[in-house]
Amino acid sequence: MITEIGIAAGDIWHYLDQRGSGTLDELAKTIKKDRSLLLMSLGWLAREGHISLGDAQTGFRATLTQR
């Protein structure tokens, strides 16, 4: 499962790098992975400080952080 989360996190990273930001719905539509897997991957990226993640009101909009 950790490998699947990591692969999905990479897919999310590439999506955000190309498009700037995205909601959970946009990510699910484009990446075509289970929403629960995407949420785990978003959590991982957020915990590591790689993304900023909004709340339910923003559709869990994610953006890459500046490093």
N, C-alpha and C. Protein backbone atom coordinates (compact mmCIF):
# COMPACT_ATOMS: atom_id res chain seq x y z
N MET A 1 0.82 -1.20 0.00
CA MET A 1 0.00 0.00 0.00
C MET A 1 0.86 1.26 0.00
N ILE A 2 1.98 1.24 0.71
CA ILE A 2 2.87 2.40 0.75
C ILE A 2 3.36 2.75 -0.66
N THR A 3 3.66 1.73 -1.44
CA THR A 3 4.12 1.97 -2.81
C THR A 3 3.03 2.64 -3.63
N GLU A 4 1.79 2.18 -3.50
CA GLU A 4 0.67 2.78 -4.24
C GLU A 4 0.46 4.24 -3.84
N ILE A 5 0.59 4.53 -2.55
CA ILE A 5 0.46 5.90 -2.07
C ILE A 5 1.57 6.77 -2.66
N GLY A 6 2.77 6.25 -2.68
CA GLY A 6 3.91 6.99 -3.24
C GLY A 6 3.76 7.25 -4.73
N ILE A 7 3.26 6.27 -5.47
CA ILE A 7 3.05 6.45 -6.91
C ILE A 7 1.97 7.50 -7.15
N ALA A 8 0.89 7.42 -6.40
CA ALA A 8 -0.19 8.41 -6.53
C ALA A 8 0.32 9.80 -6.14
N ALA A 9 1.17 9.89 -5.12
CA ALA A 9 1.75 11.18 -4.72
C ALA A 9 2.58 11.76 -5.86
N GLY A 10 3.31 10.91 -6.55
CA GLY A 10 4.08 11.37 -7.71
C GLY A 10 3.18 11.86 -8.82
N ASP A 11 2.08 11.15 -9.06
CA ASP A 11 1.11 11.59 -10.07
C ASP A 11 0.51 12.95 -9.69
N ILE A 12 0.19 13.12 -8.42
CA ILE A 12 -0.34 14.40 -7.94
C ILE A 12 0.70 15.50 -8.13
N TRP A 13 1.93 15.22 -7.76
CA TRP A 13 3.02 16.19 -7.89
C TRP A 13 3.12 16.68 -9.34
N HIS A 14 3.13 15.75 -10.28
CA HIS A 14 3.25 16.12 -11.70
C HIS A 14 2.03 16.93 -12.17
N TYR A 15 0.86 16.54 -11.72
CA TYR A 15 -0.36 17.29 -12.06
C TYR A 15 -0.25 18.73 -11.57
N LEU A 16 0.13 18.90 -10.31
CA LEU A 16 0.23 20.24 -9.73
C LEU A 16 1.35 21.04 -10.36
N ASP A 17 2.44 20.39 -10.72
CA ASP A 17 3.55 21.08 -11.37
C ASP A 17 3.14 21.62 -12.73
N GLN A 18 2.29 20.88 -13.44
CA GLN A 18 1.83 21.30 -14.77
C GLN A 18 0.71 22.33 -14.70
N ARG A 19 -0.19 22.19 -13.71
CA ARG A 19 -1.40 23.01 -13.70
C ARG A 19 -1.44 24.06 -12.59
N GLY A 20 -0.55 23.99 -11.65
CA GLY A 20 -0.49 24.99 -10.58
C GLY A 20 -1.28 24.64 -9.34
N SER A 21 -2.50 24.15 -9.52
CA SER A 21 -3.31 23.73 -8.38
C SER A 21 -4.40 22.79 -8.87
N GLY A 22 -5.07 22.16 -7.93
CA GLY A 22 -6.16 21.27 -8.30
C GLY A 22 -6.96 20.85 -7.09
N THR A 23 -8.26 20.64 -7.31
CA THR A 23 -9.12 20.14 -6.24
C THR A 23 -9.08 18.61 -6.25
N LEU A 24 -9.61 18.03 -5.20
CA LEU A 24 -9.69 16.58 -5.13
C LEU A 24 -10.49 16.03 -6.31
N ASP A 25 -11.59 16.68 -6.66
CA ASP A 25 -12.40 16.22 -7.80
C ASP A 25 -11.62 16.28 -9.10
N GLU A 26 -10.87 17.36 -9.31
CA GLU A 26 -10.06 17.48 -10.53
C GLU A 26 -8.98 16.41 -10.56
N LEU A 27 -8.34 16.18 -9.44
CA LEU A 27 -7.29 15.16 -9.38
C LEU A 27 -7.87 13.78 -9.66
N ALA A 28 -9.01 13.47 -9.06
CA ALA A 28 -9.63 12.15 -9.24
C ALA A 28 -10.02 11.93 -10.69
N LYS A 29 -10.52 12.98 -11.33
CA LYS A 29 -10.95 12.86 -12.73
C LYS A 29 -9.75 12.62 -13.65
N THR A 30 -8.66 13.33 -13.40
CA THR A 30 -7.50 13.25 -14.27
C THR A 30 -6.60 12.05 -13.97
N ILE A 31 -6.33 11.82 -12.70
CA ILE A 31 -5.39 10.76 -12.31
C ILE A 31 -6.07 9.39 -12.33
N LYS A 32 -7.38 9.36 -12.17
CA LYS A 32 -8.16 8.11 -12.23
C LYS A 32 -7.68 7.06 -11.23
N LYS A 33 -7.55 7.50 -10.00
CA LYS A 33 -7.25 6.60 -8.89
C LYS A 33 -8.33 6.77 -7.85
N ASP A 34 -8.48 5.80 -6.99
CA ASP A 34 -9.48 5.84 -5.93
C ASP A 34 -9.28 7.09 -5.07
N ARG A 35 -10.40 7.74 -4.72
CA ARG A 35 -10.34 8.98 -3.93
C ARG A 35 -9.64 8.76 -2.59
N SER A 36 -9.86 7.62 -1.96
CA SER A 36 -9.21 7.38 -0.66
C SER A 36 -7.69 7.30 -0.83
N LEU A 37 -7.23 6.72 -1.92
CA LEU A 37 -5.79 6.67 -2.20
C LEU A 37 -5.25 8.08 -2.45
N LEU A 38 -6.01 8.88 -3.19
CA LEU A 38 -5.58 10.26 -3.43
C LEU A 38 -5.52 11.07 -2.14
N LEU A 39 -6.49 10.86 -1.26
CA LEU A 39 -6.48 11.57 0.02
C LEU A 39 -5.27 11.16 0.87
N MET A 40 -4.94 9.88 0.87
CA MET A 40 -3.75 9.44 1.61
C MET A 40 -2.49 10.07 1.02
N SER A 41 -2.42 10.13 -0.30
CA SER A 41 -1.26 10.71 -0.97
C SER A 41 -1.17 12.22 -0.72
N LEU A 42 -2.31 12.90 -0.75
CA LEU A 42 -2.33 14.33 -0.43
C LEU A 42 -1.87 14.57 1.00
N GLY A 43 -2.32 13.73 1.92
CA GLY A 43 -1.90 13.85 3.31
C GLY A 43 -0.40 13.67 3.46
N TRP A 44 0.14 12.71 2.74
CA TRP A 44 1.58 12.46 2.78
C TRP A 44 2.33 13.70 2.27
N LEU A 45 1.92 14.19 1.11
CA LEU A 45 2.58 15.37 0.54
C LEU A 45 2.46 16.59 1.46
N ALA A 46 1.29 16.76 2.07
CA ALA A 46 1.09 17.89 2.99
C ALA A 46 1.96 17.73 4.23
N ARG A 47 2.01 16.54 4.79
CA ARG A 47 2.80 16.29 5.99
C ARG A 47 4.28 16.55 5.75
N GLU A 48 4.74 16.22 4.55
CA GLU A 48 6.14 16.43 4.19
C GLU A 48 6.43 17.88 3.79
N GLY A 49 5.37 18.71 3.72
CA GLY A 49 5.56 20.12 3.40
C GLY A 49 5.69 20.41 1.91
N HIS A 50 5.32 19.45 1.06
CA HIS A 50 5.45 19.64 -0.38
C HIS A 50 4.26 20.36 -0.99
N ILE A 51 3.10 20.32 -0.31
CA ILE A 51 1.92 20.99 -0.83
C ILE A 51 1.21 21.75 0.29
N SER A 52 0.44 22.75 -0.13
CA SER A 52 -0.52 23.40 0.75
C SER A 52 -1.87 22.80 0.38
N LEU A 53 -2.67 22.49 1.38
CA LEU A 53 -3.93 21.80 1.14
C LEU A 53 -5.06 22.55 1.82
N GLY A 54 -6.09 22.89 1.04
CA GLY A 54 -7.25 23.58 1.57
C GLY A 54 -8.18 22.61 2.30
N ASP A 55 -9.30 23.14 2.74
CA ASP A 55 -10.27 22.33 3.47
C ASP A 55 -11.42 21.92 2.56
N ALA A 56 -12.46 21.33 3.14
CA ALA A 56 -13.61 20.85 2.36
C ALA A 56 -14.29 21.99 1.60
N GLN A 57 -14.29 23.19 2.16
CA GLN A 57 -14.93 24.33 1.48
C GLN A 57 -14.22 24.70 0.19
N THR A 58 -12.92 24.43 0.10
CA THR A 58 -12.16 24.74 -1.12
C THR A 58 -12.08 23.53 -2.04
N GLY A 59 -12.75 22.44 -1.67
CA GLY A 59 -12.66 21.22 -2.47
C GLY A 59 -11.32 20.54 -2.29
N PHE A 60 -10.69 20.79 -1.12
CA PHE A 60 -9.35 20.27 -0.82
C PHE A 60 -8.36 20.68 -1.92
N ARG A 61 -8.39 21.96 -2.30
CA ARG A 61 -7.50 22.46 -3.33
C ARG A 61 -6.06 22.35 -2.85
N ALA A 62 -5.22 21.77 -3.70
CA ALA A 62 -3.82 21.57 -3.38
C ALA A 62 -2.96 22.41 -4.32
N THR A 63 -1.88 22.96 -3.77
CA THR A 63 -0.89 23.69 -4.55
C THR A 63 0.50 23.30 -4.04
N LEU A 64 1.46 23.29 -4.93
CA LEU A 64 2.84 23.01 -4.52
C LEU A 64 3.35 24.17 -3.68
N THR A 65 4.13 23.86 -2.67
CA THR A 65 4.73 24.91 -1.85
C THR A 65 6.03 25.37 -2.51
N GLN A 66 6.40 26.58 -2.22
CA GLN A 66 7.65 27.13 -2.73
C GLN A 66 8.78 26.75 -1.78
N ARG A 67 9.81 26.21 -2.29
CA ARG A 67 10.97 25.84 -1.46
C ARG A 67 12.19 26.58 -1.89
